[in-house]
Amino acid sequence: MRSTLRIVAFGITLVAIVAFGVGYVTGKKYPKERAEVTVVLVQDGGGCRPSDPEQLRRAKHKSVTWQIRNTCSTAQWVKFDNFRQKNIDGNGNLGPTESILDPVAPQTRDAVAARANNIDGTATVTATISKDADRELSYKYVISIGANGADWPTRLDPDIDIWP
């Protein structure tokens, strides 16, 4: 009789563990976070342009990092700004520019060195998500690059997702 009770108790425990595990796995609401992406600056004809990085996906109040590799023949400053919520009205339109990071428009401290002797120039830019999201939010933003840190002639607009 005791062994039957043990078997029943074991079965109930096993079912509870499996149910909890399935609930945990299927109950996740958001995709895997991607806190760091790489932006490669590439020579394009006579100029330099940023590559389209993977999409950042991060929870509020956590940091995001852009690793920058400059394969161009000239040093470049890089800035991330103009964060605008995607599909704000359900018709695919972008919302107004928002401050979702701290600092608001992070950029490189200095120009990212040009590629020299087959070695890419590198830099890292980090910011913290300051937007107090109460649901998943998707944003477009602009990667701007320029040779002097004041003029930003080249731009690209990738995405970032934020969730609570």
N, C-alpha and C. Protein backbone atom coordinates (compact mmCIF):
# COMPACT_ATOMS: atom_id res chain seq x y z
N MET A 1 0.82 -1.18 0.00
CA MET A 1 0.00 0.00 0.00
C MET A 1 0.87 1.26 0.00
N ARG A 2 1.96 1.20 0.80
CA ARG A 2 2.85 2.37 0.84
C ARG A 2 3.48 2.63 -0.50
N SER A 3 3.88 1.56 -1.20
CA SER A 3 4.52 1.77 -2.49
C SER A 3 3.52 2.33 -3.50
N THR A 4 2.26 1.98 -3.41
CA THR A 4 1.24 2.53 -4.29
C THR A 4 1.06 4.02 -4.01
N LEU A 5 1.05 4.41 -2.74
CA LEU A 5 0.94 5.83 -2.39
C LEU A 5 2.16 6.61 -2.88
N ARG A 6 3.32 6.00 -2.75
CA ARG A 6 4.54 6.65 -3.23
C ARG A 6 4.48 6.86 -4.74
N ILE A 7 4.01 5.84 -5.45
CA ILE A 7 3.92 5.94 -6.90
C ILE A 7 2.92 7.04 -7.29
N VAL A 8 1.78 7.09 -6.62
CA VAL A 8 0.77 8.12 -6.89
C VAL A 8 1.34 9.50 -6.57
N ALA A 9 2.00 9.64 -5.41
CA ALA A 9 2.59 10.92 -5.02
C ALA A 9 3.67 11.34 -6.02
N PHE A 10 4.47 10.38 -6.44
CA PHE A 10 5.51 10.67 -7.43
C PHE A 10 4.87 11.13 -8.74
N GLY A 11 3.81 10.45 -9.17
CA GLY A 11 3.11 10.81 -10.40
C GLY A 11 2.53 12.21 -10.34
N ILE A 12 1.90 12.53 -9.22
CA ILE A 12 1.33 13.87 -9.04
C ILE A 12 2.42 14.93 -9.06
N THR A 13 3.52 14.65 -8.36
CA THR A 13 4.65 15.59 -8.33
C THR A 13 5.21 15.78 -9.73
N LEU A 14 5.37 14.69 -10.47
CA LEU A 14 5.92 14.77 -11.83
C LEU A 14 4.99 15.59 -12.74
N VAL A 15 3.70 15.36 -12.65
CA VAL A 15 2.73 16.12 -13.45
C VAL A 15 2.80 17.61 -13.09
N ALA A 16 2.90 17.92 -11.81
CA ALA A 16 2.99 19.32 -11.37
C ALA A 16 4.25 19.98 -11.92
N ILE A 17 5.38 19.28 -11.88
CA ILE A 17 6.64 19.84 -12.38
C ILE A 17 6.55 20.08 -13.88
N VAL A 18 6.03 19.10 -14.62
CA VAL A 18 5.89 19.25 -16.07
C VAL A 18 4.94 20.40 -16.39
N ALA A 19 3.82 20.49 -15.69
CA ALA A 19 2.85 21.57 -15.94
C ALA A 19 3.48 22.93 -15.67
N PHE A 20 4.24 23.03 -14.59
CA PHE A 20 4.92 24.29 -14.27
C PHE A 20 5.92 24.64 -15.37
N GLY A 21 6.70 23.65 -15.81
CA GLY A 21 7.70 23.88 -16.86
C GLY A 21 7.06 24.31 -18.16
N VAL A 22 5.99 23.65 -18.57
CA VAL A 22 5.29 24.03 -19.80
C VAL A 22 4.70 25.43 -19.66
N GLY A 23 4.12 25.73 -18.53
CA GLY A 23 3.56 27.06 -18.30
C GLY A 23 4.63 28.13 -18.34
N TYR A 24 5.78 27.83 -17.78
CA TYR A 24 6.89 28.79 -17.77
C TYR A 24 7.38 29.07 -19.19
N VAL A 25 7.57 28.00 -19.96
CA VAL A 25 8.10 28.16 -21.32
C VAL A 25 7.09 28.85 -22.22
N THR A 26 5.83 28.42 -22.18
CA THR A 26 4.83 29.02 -23.07
C THR A 26 4.33 30.35 -22.56
N GLY A 27 4.55 30.66 -21.28
CA GLY A 27 4.07 31.91 -20.70
C GLY A 27 4.98 33.09 -20.96
N LYS A 28 6.17 32.87 -21.53
CA LYS A 28 7.05 34.00 -21.82
C LYS A 28 6.39 34.87 -22.88
N LYS A 29 6.35 36.16 -22.59
CA LYS A 29 5.66 37.08 -23.48
C LYS A 29 6.59 37.73 -24.50
N TYR A 30 7.87 37.78 -24.24
CA TYR A 30 8.76 38.56 -25.06
C TYR A 30 9.89 37.71 -25.62
N PRO A 31 10.42 38.10 -26.78
CA PRO A 31 11.52 37.34 -27.36
C PRO A 31 12.79 37.50 -26.53
N LYS A 32 13.74 36.67 -26.83
CA LYS A 32 15.03 36.72 -26.12
C LYS A 32 15.64 38.11 -26.28
N GLU A 33 16.15 38.62 -25.17
CA GLU A 33 16.75 39.95 -25.21
C GLU A 33 18.01 39.94 -26.08
N ARG A 34 18.24 41.06 -26.75
CA ARG A 34 19.48 41.28 -27.48
C ARG A 34 19.96 42.65 -27.05
N ALA A 35 20.89 42.65 -26.10
CA ALA A 35 21.36 43.89 -25.49
C ALA A 35 22.50 44.53 -26.25
N GLU A 36 23.10 43.79 -27.18
CA GLU A 36 24.29 44.30 -27.87
C GLU A 36 24.21 43.94 -29.35
N VAL A 37 24.51 44.92 -30.19
CA VAL A 37 24.55 44.68 -31.63
C VAL A 37 25.81 45.34 -32.21
N THR A 38 26.17 44.92 -33.41
CA THR A 38 27.34 45.47 -34.08
C THR A 38 26.91 46.28 -35.28
N VAL A 39 27.47 47.47 -35.41
CA VAL A 39 27.26 48.32 -36.58
C VAL A 39 28.60 48.38 -37.30
N VAL A 40 28.59 48.00 -38.57
CA VAL A 40 29.82 48.04 -39.37
C VAL A 40 29.71 49.23 -40.31
N LEU A 41 30.70 50.08 -40.28
CA LEU A 41 30.76 51.21 -41.21
C LEU A 41 31.50 50.71 -42.45
N VAL A 42 30.84 50.80 -43.62
CA VAL A 42 31.40 50.24 -44.84
C VAL A 42 31.54 51.31 -45.91
N GLN A 43 32.59 51.17 -46.71
CA GLN A 43 32.83 52.07 -47.82
C GLN A 43 31.76 51.83 -48.87
N ASP A 44 31.16 52.90 -49.36
CA ASP A 44 30.10 52.80 -50.35
C ASP A 44 30.35 53.84 -51.42
N GLY A 45 30.97 53.44 -52.51
CA GLY A 45 31.33 54.41 -53.55
C GLY A 45 32.35 55.38 -53.00
N GLY A 46 32.02 56.65 -52.98
CA GLY A 46 32.93 57.66 -52.46
C GLY A 46 32.76 57.95 -50.99
N GLY A 47 31.76 57.36 -50.36
CA GLY A 47 31.49 57.67 -48.96
C GLY A 47 31.50 56.44 -48.07
N CYS A 48 31.01 56.65 -46.86
CA CYS A 48 30.96 55.61 -45.85
C CYS A 48 29.53 55.54 -45.35
N ARG A 49 29.01 54.34 -45.09
CA ARG A 49 27.65 54.20 -44.58
C ARG A 49 27.59 53.13 -43.50
N PRO A 50 26.62 53.23 -42.59
CA PRO A 50 26.48 52.20 -41.56
C PRO A 50 25.70 51.00 -42.08
N SER A 51 26.06 49.81 -41.62
CA SER A 51 25.29 48.61 -41.95
C SER A 51 24.04 48.58 -41.07
N ASP A 52 23.07 47.78 -41.46
CA ASP A 52 21.85 47.63 -40.68
C ASP A 52 22.10 46.57 -39.59
N PRO A 53 22.12 46.97 -38.32
CA PRO A 53 22.40 45.99 -37.26
C PRO A 53 21.19 45.12 -36.97
N GLU A 54 21.41 44.05 -36.23
CA GLU A 54 20.30 43.24 -35.75
C GLU A 54 19.44 44.13 -34.86
N GLN A 55 18.22 43.71 -34.61
CA GLN A 55 17.30 44.50 -33.79
C GLN A 55 17.65 44.35 -32.32
N LEU A 56 17.82 45.47 -31.64
CA LEU A 56 17.98 45.46 -30.19
C LEU A 56 16.65 45.08 -29.56
N ARG A 57 16.69 44.27 -28.52
CA ARG A 57 15.48 43.91 -27.75
C ARG A 57 15.90 43.90 -26.29
N ARG A 58 15.29 44.78 -25.50
CA ARG A 58 15.77 44.94 -24.13
C ARG A 58 14.64 45.40 -23.22
N ALA A 59 14.70 44.99 -21.98
CA ALA A 59 13.72 45.42 -20.97
C ALA A 59 14.09 46.82 -20.47
N LYS A 60 13.08 47.52 -19.94
CA LYS A 60 13.31 48.87 -19.44
C LYS A 60 14.32 48.87 -18.30
N HIS A 61 15.03 49.96 -18.19
CA HIS A 61 16.03 50.22 -17.15
C HIS A 61 17.27 49.35 -17.28
N LYS A 62 17.48 48.73 -18.43
CA LYS A 62 18.69 47.95 -18.68
C LYS A 62 19.49 48.64 -19.77
N SER A 63 20.74 48.26 -19.90
CA SER A 63 21.61 48.92 -20.88
C SER A 63 21.56 48.23 -22.24
N VAL A 64 21.84 49.02 -23.26
CA VAL A 64 22.02 48.54 -24.62
C VAL A 64 23.39 49.01 -25.10
N THR A 65 24.01 48.21 -25.97
CA THR A 65 25.36 48.53 -26.44
C THR A 65 25.45 48.35 -27.94
N TRP A 66 26.06 49.32 -28.59
CA TRP A 66 26.39 49.22 -30.00
C TRP A 66 27.91 49.07 -30.10
N GLN A 67 28.36 47.98 -30.69
CA GLN A 67 29.78 47.80 -31.01
C GLN A 67 29.95 48.34 -32.43
N ILE A 68 30.93 49.19 -32.64
CA ILE A 68 31.12 49.81 -33.95
C ILE A 68 32.45 49.37 -34.53
N ARG A 69 32.42 48.95 -35.79
CA ARG A 69 33.63 48.60 -36.53
C ARG A 69 33.69 49.48 -37.77
N ASN A 70 34.76 50.23 -37.92
CA ASN A 70 34.92 51.11 -39.07
C ASN A 70 35.84 50.46 -40.09
N THR A 71 35.27 50.06 -41.24
CA THR A 71 36.08 49.49 -42.32
C THR A 71 36.33 50.54 -43.41
N CYS A 72 35.90 51.77 -43.17
CA CYS A 72 36.05 52.86 -44.14
C CYS A 72 37.46 53.42 -44.12
N SER A 73 37.74 54.22 -45.14
CA SER A 73 39.08 54.81 -45.27
C SER A 73 39.23 56.12 -44.50
N THR A 74 38.14 56.60 -43.88
CA THR A 74 38.22 57.82 -43.08
C THR A 74 37.60 57.57 -41.70
N ALA A 75 38.09 58.28 -40.70
CA ALA A 75 37.52 58.18 -39.35
C ALA A 75 36.10 58.73 -39.36
N GLN A 76 35.22 58.17 -38.54
CA GLN A 76 33.82 58.58 -38.52
C GLN A 76 33.31 58.68 -37.09
N TRP A 77 32.52 59.71 -36.83
CA TRP A 77 31.75 59.84 -35.60
C TRP A 77 30.44 59.08 -35.81
N VAL A 78 29.87 58.52 -34.75
CA VAL A 78 28.62 57.77 -34.86
C VAL A 78 27.68 58.23 -33.74
N LYS A 79 26.40 58.46 -34.10
CA LYS A 79 25.40 58.91 -33.12
C LYS A 79 24.11 58.11 -33.33
N PHE A 80 23.40 57.84 -32.23
CA PHE A 80 22.13 57.12 -32.26
C PHE A 80 21.05 58.03 -31.68
N ASP A 81 20.06 58.40 -32.49
CA ASP A 81 19.03 59.33 -32.01
C ASP A 81 17.74 59.20 -32.80
N ASN A 82 16.83 60.15 -32.60
CA ASN A 82 15.56 60.23 -33.30
C ASN A 82 14.73 58.95 -33.09
N PHE A 83 14.54 58.55 -31.84
CA PHE A 83 13.76 57.36 -31.51
C PHE A 83 12.28 57.69 -31.64
N ARG A 84 11.59 56.95 -32.52
CA ARG A 84 10.17 57.20 -32.80
C ARG A 84 9.41 55.88 -32.75
N GLN A 85 8.32 55.87 -31.99
CA GLN A 85 7.53 54.65 -31.84
C GLN A 85 6.94 54.25 -33.19
N LYS A 86 7.03 52.95 -33.49
CA LYS A 86 6.49 52.42 -34.74
C LYS A 86 4.99 52.19 -34.62
N ASN A 87 4.30 52.36 -35.73
CA ASN A 87 2.89 52.04 -35.84
C ASN A 87 2.07 52.62 -34.70
N ILE A 88 2.29 53.88 -34.40
CA ILE A 88 1.64 54.52 -33.25
C ILE A 88 0.12 54.61 -33.39
N ASP A 89 -0.37 54.66 -34.63
CA ASP A 89 -1.81 54.84 -34.85
C ASP A 89 -2.49 53.61 -35.45
N GLY A 90 -1.76 52.50 -35.58
CA GLY A 90 -2.32 51.30 -36.18
C GLY A 90 -2.29 51.32 -37.70
N ASN A 91 -1.82 52.42 -38.29
CA ASN A 91 -1.73 52.54 -39.75
C ASN A 91 -0.28 52.52 -40.24
N GLY A 92 0.64 52.15 -39.36
CA GLY A 92 2.05 52.06 -39.75
C GLY A 92 2.83 53.35 -39.63
N ASN A 93 2.21 54.41 -39.13
CA ASN A 93 2.91 55.69 -39.00
C ASN A 93 3.80 55.72 -37.77
N LEU A 94 4.87 56.51 -37.87
CA LEU A 94 5.79 56.69 -36.74
C LEU A 94 5.30 57.81 -35.85
N GLY A 95 5.55 57.67 -34.56
CA GLY A 95 5.20 58.71 -33.60
C GLY A 95 6.25 59.81 -33.59
N PRO A 96 6.08 60.79 -32.70
CA PRO A 96 7.06 61.87 -32.59
C PRO A 96 8.34 61.35 -31.93
N THR A 97 9.42 62.09 -32.08
CA THR A 97 10.68 61.73 -31.46
C THR A 97 10.51 61.71 -29.94
N GLU A 98 11.04 60.67 -29.31
CA GLU A 98 10.94 60.51 -27.85
C GLU A 98 12.33 60.32 -27.25
N SER A 99 12.43 60.63 -25.97
CA SER A 99 13.64 60.34 -25.20
C SER A 99 13.43 59.00 -24.52
N ILE A 100 14.06 57.95 -25.05
CA ILE A 100 13.89 56.62 -24.47
C ILE A 100 15.18 56.09 -23.85
N LEU A 101 16.29 56.84 -24.03
CA LEU A 101 17.59 56.40 -23.52
C LEU A 101 18.22 57.45 -22.62
N ASP A 102 19.15 57.00 -21.84
CA ASP A 102 20.01 57.90 -21.06
C ASP A 102 21.45 57.48 -21.36
N PRO A 103 22.21 58.31 -22.06
CA PRO A 103 21.90 59.64 -22.58
C PRO A 103 20.89 59.56 -23.73
N VAL A 104 20.24 60.69 -24.00
CA VAL A 104 19.16 60.76 -24.98
C VAL A 104 19.64 60.39 -26.38
N ALA A 105 20.78 60.91 -26.80
CA ALA A 105 21.33 60.64 -28.13
C ALA A 105 22.79 60.21 -27.97
N PRO A 106 23.02 58.96 -27.58
CA PRO A 106 24.40 58.52 -27.34
C PRO A 106 25.23 58.56 -28.62
N GLN A 107 26.50 58.86 -28.45
CA GLN A 107 27.41 58.90 -29.60
C GLN A 107 28.82 58.52 -29.15
N THR A 108 29.68 58.30 -30.13
CA THR A 108 31.07 57.96 -29.82
C THR A 108 31.75 59.15 -29.16
N ARG A 109 32.69 58.86 -28.27
CA ARG A 109 33.44 59.95 -27.59
C ARG A 109 34.37 60.67 -28.54
N ASP A 110 34.91 59.92 -29.47
CA ASP A 110 35.82 60.44 -30.50
C ASP A 110 35.43 59.79 -31.82
N ALA A 111 36.07 60.23 -32.88
CA ALA A 111 35.84 59.58 -34.17
C ALA A 111 36.37 58.16 -34.10
N VAL A 112 35.65 57.23 -34.71
CA VAL A 112 36.10 55.84 -34.78
C VAL A 112 37.17 55.79 -35.87
N ALA A 113 38.36 55.36 -35.50
CA ALA A 113 39.49 55.36 -36.42
C ALA A 113 39.17 54.61 -37.71
N ALA A 114 39.77 55.07 -38.79
CA ALA A 114 39.61 54.42 -40.09
C ALA A 114 40.36 53.09 -40.09
N ARG A 115 39.99 52.23 -41.00
CA ARG A 115 40.71 50.96 -41.18
C ARG A 115 42.13 51.26 -41.63
N ALA A 116 43.10 50.67 -40.96
CA ALA A 116 44.50 50.88 -41.30
C ALA A 116 45.27 49.58 -41.10
N ASN A 117 46.13 49.26 -42.02
CA ASN A 117 46.94 48.04 -41.95
C ASN A 117 46.07 46.80 -41.74
N ASN A 118 44.94 46.76 -42.44
CA ASN A 118 43.98 45.66 -42.36
C ASN A 118 43.36 45.48 -40.98
N ILE A 119 43.35 46.53 -40.18
CA ILE A 119 42.72 46.49 -38.85
C ILE A 119 41.62 47.55 -38.80
N ASP A 120 40.41 47.09 -38.46
CA ASP A 120 39.27 48.00 -38.38
C ASP A 120 39.37 48.87 -37.14
N GLY A 121 38.94 50.13 -37.27
CA GLY A 121 38.78 50.97 -36.09
C GLY A 121 37.56 50.48 -35.32
N THR A 122 37.60 50.57 -34.00
CA THR A 122 36.46 50.10 -33.19
C THR A 122 36.09 51.10 -32.11
N ALA A 123 34.85 51.03 -31.69
CA ALA A 123 34.36 51.84 -30.58
C ALA A 123 33.13 51.16 -30.00
N THR A 124 32.76 51.58 -28.79
CA THR A 124 31.58 51.06 -28.12
C THR A 124 30.75 52.24 -27.62
N VAL A 125 29.44 52.17 -27.84
CA VAL A 125 28.51 53.18 -27.33
C VAL A 125 27.46 52.45 -26.49
N THR A 126 27.28 52.91 -25.25
CA THR A 126 26.33 52.27 -24.35
C THR A 126 25.35 53.31 -23.82
N ALA A 127 24.10 52.88 -23.63
CA ALA A 127 23.07 53.74 -23.05
C ALA A 127 22.14 52.85 -22.22
N THR A 128 21.32 53.48 -21.41
CA THR A 128 20.35 52.76 -20.59
C THR A 128 18.95 53.12 -21.04
N ILE A 129 18.08 52.11 -21.13
CA ILE A 129 16.69 52.35 -21.50
C ILE A 129 16.02 53.11 -20.36
N SER A 130 15.57 54.31 -20.64
CA SER A 130 14.91 55.13 -19.61
C SER A 130 13.40 55.18 -19.79
N LYS A 131 12.92 54.73 -20.93
CA LYS A 131 11.48 54.71 -21.20
C LYS A 131 10.81 53.74 -20.23
N ASP A 132 9.80 54.22 -19.51
CA ASP A 132 9.10 53.39 -18.53
C ASP A 132 7.95 52.66 -19.21
N ALA A 133 8.28 51.61 -19.97
CA ALA A 133 7.29 50.87 -20.75
C ALA A 133 6.40 50.03 -19.85
N ASP A 134 5.09 50.06 -20.13
CA ASP A 134 4.16 49.19 -19.41
C ASP A 134 3.66 48.07 -20.32
N ARG A 135 4.17 48.07 -21.57
CA ARG A 135 3.86 47.03 -22.55
C ARG A 135 4.99 47.04 -23.57
N GLU A 136 5.01 46.05 -24.46
CA GLU A 136 6.05 46.01 -25.47
C GLU A 136 5.91 47.20 -26.41
N LEU A 137 7.01 47.87 -26.69
CA LEU A 137 7.02 49.02 -27.60
C LEU A 137 8.11 48.81 -28.64
N SER A 138 7.82 49.14 -29.88
CA SER A 138 8.80 49.04 -30.96
C SER A 138 9.11 50.43 -31.48
N TYR A 139 10.38 50.69 -31.70
CA TYR A 139 10.85 52.00 -32.15
C TYR A 139 11.75 51.87 -33.36
N LYS A 140 11.71 52.90 -34.21
CA LYS A 140 12.71 53.12 -35.23
C LYS A 140 13.66 54.14 -34.64
N TYR A 141 14.91 54.09 -35.05
CA TYR A 141 15.86 55.11 -34.63
C TYR A 141 16.83 55.35 -35.76
N VAL A 142 17.65 56.36 -35.63
CA VAL A 142 18.56 56.74 -36.70
C VAL A 142 20.00 56.54 -36.23
N ILE A 143 20.78 55.90 -37.08
CA ILE A 143 22.24 55.85 -36.89
C ILE A 143 22.79 56.91 -37.83
N SER A 144 23.46 57.90 -37.28
CA SER A 144 24.05 58.97 -38.07
C SER A 144 25.56 58.86 -38.00
N ILE A 145 26.21 59.06 -39.13
CA ILE A 145 27.68 59.08 -39.13
C ILE A 145 28.16 60.31 -39.88
N GLY A 146 29.32 60.78 -39.47
CA GLY A 146 29.92 61.94 -40.12
C GLY A 146 31.39 62.04 -39.75
N ALA A 147 32.12 62.76 -40.55
CA ALA A 147 33.56 62.85 -40.38
C ALA A 147 34.00 63.84 -39.31
N ASN A 148 33.09 64.77 -38.87
CA ASN A 148 33.57 65.81 -37.95
C ASN A 148 32.83 65.86 -36.61
N GLY A 149 31.82 65.05 -36.38
CA GLY A 149 31.11 65.07 -35.09
C GLY A 149 30.10 66.19 -34.95
N ALA A 150 29.93 66.99 -35.99
CA ALA A 150 28.95 68.08 -35.95
C ALA A 150 27.93 67.94 -37.08
N ASP A 151 28.38 67.48 -38.24
CA ASP A 151 27.50 67.26 -39.39
C ASP A 151 27.29 65.75 -39.54
N TRP A 152 26.06 65.37 -39.82
CA TRP A 152 25.71 63.94 -39.88
C TRP A 152 25.07 63.64 -41.24
N PRO A 153 25.86 63.58 -42.30
CA PRO A 153 25.28 63.43 -43.65
C PRO A 153 24.73 62.04 -43.96
N THR A 154 25.16 61.01 -43.28
CA THR A 154 24.74 59.65 -43.62
C THR A 154 23.91 59.08 -42.49
N ARG A 155 22.75 58.50 -42.85
CA ARG A 155 21.82 58.01 -41.83
C ARG A 155 21.26 56.65 -42.23
N LEU A 156 20.84 55.89 -41.22
CA LEU A 156 20.17 54.61 -41.39
C LEU A 156 19.16 54.47 -40.27
N ASP A 157 18.03 53.79 -40.50
CA ASP A 157 16.99 53.71 -39.47
C ASP A 157 16.60 52.27 -39.10
N PRO A 158 17.35 51.64 -38.21
CA PRO A 158 17.00 50.30 -37.72
C PRO A 158 15.94 50.35 -36.62
N ASP A 159 15.70 49.21 -35.94
CA ASP A 159 14.64 49.08 -34.94
C ASP A 159 15.18 48.71 -33.56
N ILE A 160 14.37 49.00 -32.54
CA ILE A 160 14.63 48.56 -31.17
C ILE A 160 13.28 48.24 -30.52
N ASP A 161 13.19 47.13 -29.81
CA ASP A 161 11.98 46.77 -29.05
C ASP A 161 12.27 46.92 -27.57
N ILE A 162 11.30 47.46 -26.84
CA ILE A 162 11.42 47.65 -25.39
C ILE A 162 10.21 47.01 -24.74
N TRP A 163 10.41 46.36 -23.61
CA TRP A 163 9.28 45.81 -22.88
C TRP A 163 9.48 45.98 -21.40
N PRO A 164 8.38 45.81 -20.65
CA PRO A 164 8.44 46.02 -19.20
C PRO A 164 9.38 45.05 -18.50
